């Protein structure tokens, strides 16, 4: 049984959800090209979200 995310979060998901998704994907072995693409996507979204000002 797979314990973790299966699909990437929504583009509107908060930073924390993207970090958790990336962490979940990094645990998968073997790391296939598909898994690496998900990790790369998560890294890009995390960087994008870190660059945005806080909206409270």
N, C-alpha and C. Protein backbone atom coordinates (compact mmCIF):
# COMPACT_ATOMS: atom_id res chain seq x y z
N UNK A 1 0.84 -1.18 0.00
CA UNK A 1 0.00 0.00 0.00
C UNK A 1 0.89 1.24 0.00
N UNK A 2 0.53 2.20 -0.80
CA UNK A 2 1.29 3.45 -0.88
C UNK A 2 0.77 4.42 0.15
N UNK A 3 1.66 4.89 1.01
CA UNK A 3 1.29 5.86 2.03
C UNK A 3 1.88 7.21 1.66
N UNK A 4 1.07 8.10 1.19
CA UNK A 4 1.55 9.42 0.80
C UNK A 4 0.70 9.96 -0.33
N UNK A 5 1.17 11.04 -0.89
CA UNK A 5 0.46 11.66 -2.00
C UNK A 5 0.57 10.80 -3.25
N UNK A 6 -0.44 10.82 -4.07
CA UNK A 6 -0.41 10.13 -5.35
C UNK A 6 -0.38 11.15 -6.47
N UNK A 7 -1.19 12.18 -6.37
CA UNK A 7 -1.23 13.25 -7.36
C UNK A 7 -0.67 14.52 -6.74
N UNK A 8 -0.07 15.37 -7.57
CA UNK A 8 0.44 16.63 -7.02
C UNK A 8 -0.70 17.51 -6.51
N UNK A 9 -0.40 18.37 -5.56
CA UNK A 9 -1.42 19.29 -5.06
C UNK A 9 -1.90 20.25 -6.14
N UNK A 10 -2.98 20.89 -5.86
CA UNK A 10 -3.52 21.93 -6.74
C UNK A 10 -2.51 23.07 -6.87
N UNK A 11 -2.51 23.77 -8.00
CA UNK A 11 -1.63 24.93 -8.13
C UNK A 11 -1.93 26.00 -7.08
N UNK A 12 -3.10 25.93 -6.47
CA UNK A 12 -3.50 26.91 -5.45
C UNK A 12 -3.23 26.41 -4.03
N UNK A 13 -2.60 25.23 -3.91
CA UNK A 13 -2.31 24.65 -2.60
C UNK A 13 -1.29 25.50 -1.85
N UNK A 14 -1.35 25.48 -0.53
CA UNK A 14 -0.38 26.25 0.26
C UNK A 14 1.01 25.62 0.21
N UNK A 15 1.99 26.41 0.58
CA UNK A 15 3.39 25.99 0.59
C UNK A 15 3.58 24.68 1.36
N UNK A 16 2.96 24.56 2.51
CA UNK A 16 3.14 23.39 3.35
C UNK A 16 2.73 22.10 2.64
N UNK A 17 1.66 22.19 1.84
CA UNK A 17 1.18 21.01 1.12
C UNK A 17 2.19 20.59 0.05
N UNK A 18 2.80 21.56 -0.63
CA UNK A 18 3.82 21.25 -1.63
C UNK A 18 5.07 20.65 -0.99
N UNK A 19 5.45 21.15 0.17
CA UNK A 19 6.61 20.60 0.88
C UNK A 19 6.35 19.16 1.29
N UNK A 20 5.16 18.89 1.80
CA UNK A 20 4.79 17.52 2.19
C UNK A 20 4.76 16.60 0.97
N UNK A 21 4.24 17.08 -0.13
CA UNK A 21 4.21 16.30 -1.36
C UNK A 21 5.62 15.95 -1.81
N UNK A 22 6.51 16.94 -1.82
CA UNK A 22 7.90 16.69 -2.23
C UNK A 22 8.56 15.66 -1.32
N UNK A 23 8.35 15.80 -0.03
CA UNK A 23 8.92 14.86 0.93
C UNK A 23 8.42 13.44 0.67
N UNK A 24 7.14 13.32 0.39
CA UNK A 24 6.54 12.02 0.10
C UNK A 24 7.14 11.41 -1.16
N UNK A 25 7.30 12.21 -2.20
CA UNK A 25 7.86 11.72 -3.46
C UNK A 25 9.33 11.32 -3.33
N UNK A 26 10.07 12.04 -2.50
CA UNK A 26 11.50 11.75 -2.33
C UNK A 26 11.75 10.40 -1.66
N UNK A 27 10.76 9.85 -1.00
CA UNK A 27 10.89 8.56 -0.31
C UNK A 27 10.68 7.37 -1.25
N UNK A 28 10.15 7.61 -2.43
CA UNK A 28 9.81 6.52 -3.35
C UNK A 28 11.08 6.00 -4.01
N UNK A 29 11.22 4.68 -4.01
CA UNK A 29 12.33 4.01 -4.68
C UNK A 29 11.76 2.89 -5.53
N UNK A 30 12.25 2.64 -6.70
CA UNK A 30 13.28 3.42 -7.37
C UNK A 30 12.73 4.75 -7.84
N UNK A 31 13.60 5.72 -7.99
CA UNK A 31 13.18 7.05 -8.44
C UNK A 31 13.14 7.03 -9.97
N UNK A 32 11.95 6.86 -10.49
CA UNK A 32 11.76 6.84 -11.93
C UNK A 32 11.72 8.27 -12.47
N UNK A 33 11.73 8.39 -13.78
CA UNK A 33 11.66 9.71 -14.42
C UNK A 33 10.37 10.43 -14.02
N UNK A 34 9.27 9.69 -13.92
CA UNK A 34 7.99 10.30 -13.52
C UNK A 34 8.06 10.88 -12.11
N UNK A 35 8.65 10.12 -11.21
CA UNK A 35 8.78 10.59 -9.83
C UNK A 35 9.68 11.82 -9.77
N UNK A 36 10.77 11.81 -10.53
CA UNK A 36 11.67 12.97 -10.55
C UNK A 36 10.96 14.20 -11.11
N UNK A 37 10.09 14.02 -12.10
CA UNK A 37 9.31 15.14 -12.63
C UNK A 37 8.41 15.74 -11.55
N UNK A 38 7.78 14.89 -10.75
CA UNK A 38 6.95 15.38 -9.64
C UNK A 38 7.79 16.16 -8.64
N UNK A 39 8.98 15.66 -8.33
CA UNK A 39 9.87 16.35 -7.39
C UNK A 39 10.29 17.70 -7.96
N UNK A 40 10.64 17.72 -9.24
CA UNK A 40 11.02 18.98 -9.89
C UNK A 40 9.86 19.98 -9.89
N UNK A 41 8.65 19.48 -10.16
CA UNK A 41 7.47 20.34 -10.14
C UNK A 41 7.26 20.91 -8.75
N UNK A 42 7.39 20.06 -7.74
CA UNK A 42 7.22 20.53 -6.35
C UNK A 42 8.27 21.57 -6.00
N UNK A 43 9.52 21.34 -6.39
CA UNK A 43 10.58 22.31 -6.12
C UNK A 43 10.26 23.66 -6.75
N UNK A 44 9.77 23.65 -7.98
CA UNK A 44 9.43 24.89 -8.67
C UNK A 44 8.28 25.61 -7.96
N UNK A 45 7.27 24.87 -7.55
CA UNK A 45 6.13 25.48 -6.85
C UNK A 45 6.55 26.02 -5.49
N UNK A 46 7.41 25.30 -4.80
CA UNK A 46 7.89 25.76 -3.49
C UNK A 46 8.65 27.06 -3.65
N UNK A 47 9.53 27.13 -4.62
CA UNK A 47 10.29 28.37 -4.86
C UNK A 47 9.36 29.52 -5.23
N UNK A 48 8.35 29.22 -6.06
CA UNK A 48 7.39 30.26 -6.46
C UNK A 48 6.63 30.78 -5.24
N UNK A 49 6.17 29.86 -4.40
CA UNK A 49 5.39 30.26 -3.23
C UNK A 49 6.25 30.98 -2.19
N UNK A 50 7.49 30.60 -2.06
CA UNK A 50 8.38 31.28 -1.11
C UNK A 50 8.65 32.71 -1.55
N UNK A 51 8.55 32.98 -2.84
CA UNK A 51 8.81 34.32 -3.35
C UNK A 51 7.61 35.25 -3.27
N UNK A 52 6.45 34.71 -2.91
CA UNK A 52 5.24 35.53 -2.83
C UNK A 52 5.11 36.15 -1.45
N UNK A 53 4.61 37.38 -1.38
CA UNK A 53 4.37 37.99 -0.07
C UNK A 53 3.24 37.28 0.66
N UNK A 54 3.29 37.31 1.97
CA UNK A 54 2.24 36.71 2.79
C UNK A 54 0.93 37.46 2.58
N UNK A 55 -0.19 36.74 2.51
CA UNK A 55 -1.50 37.37 2.38
C UNK A 55 -2.33 36.98 3.60
N UNK A 56 -2.46 37.89 4.53
CA UNK A 56 -3.25 37.63 5.74
C UNK A 56 -4.48 38.48 5.76
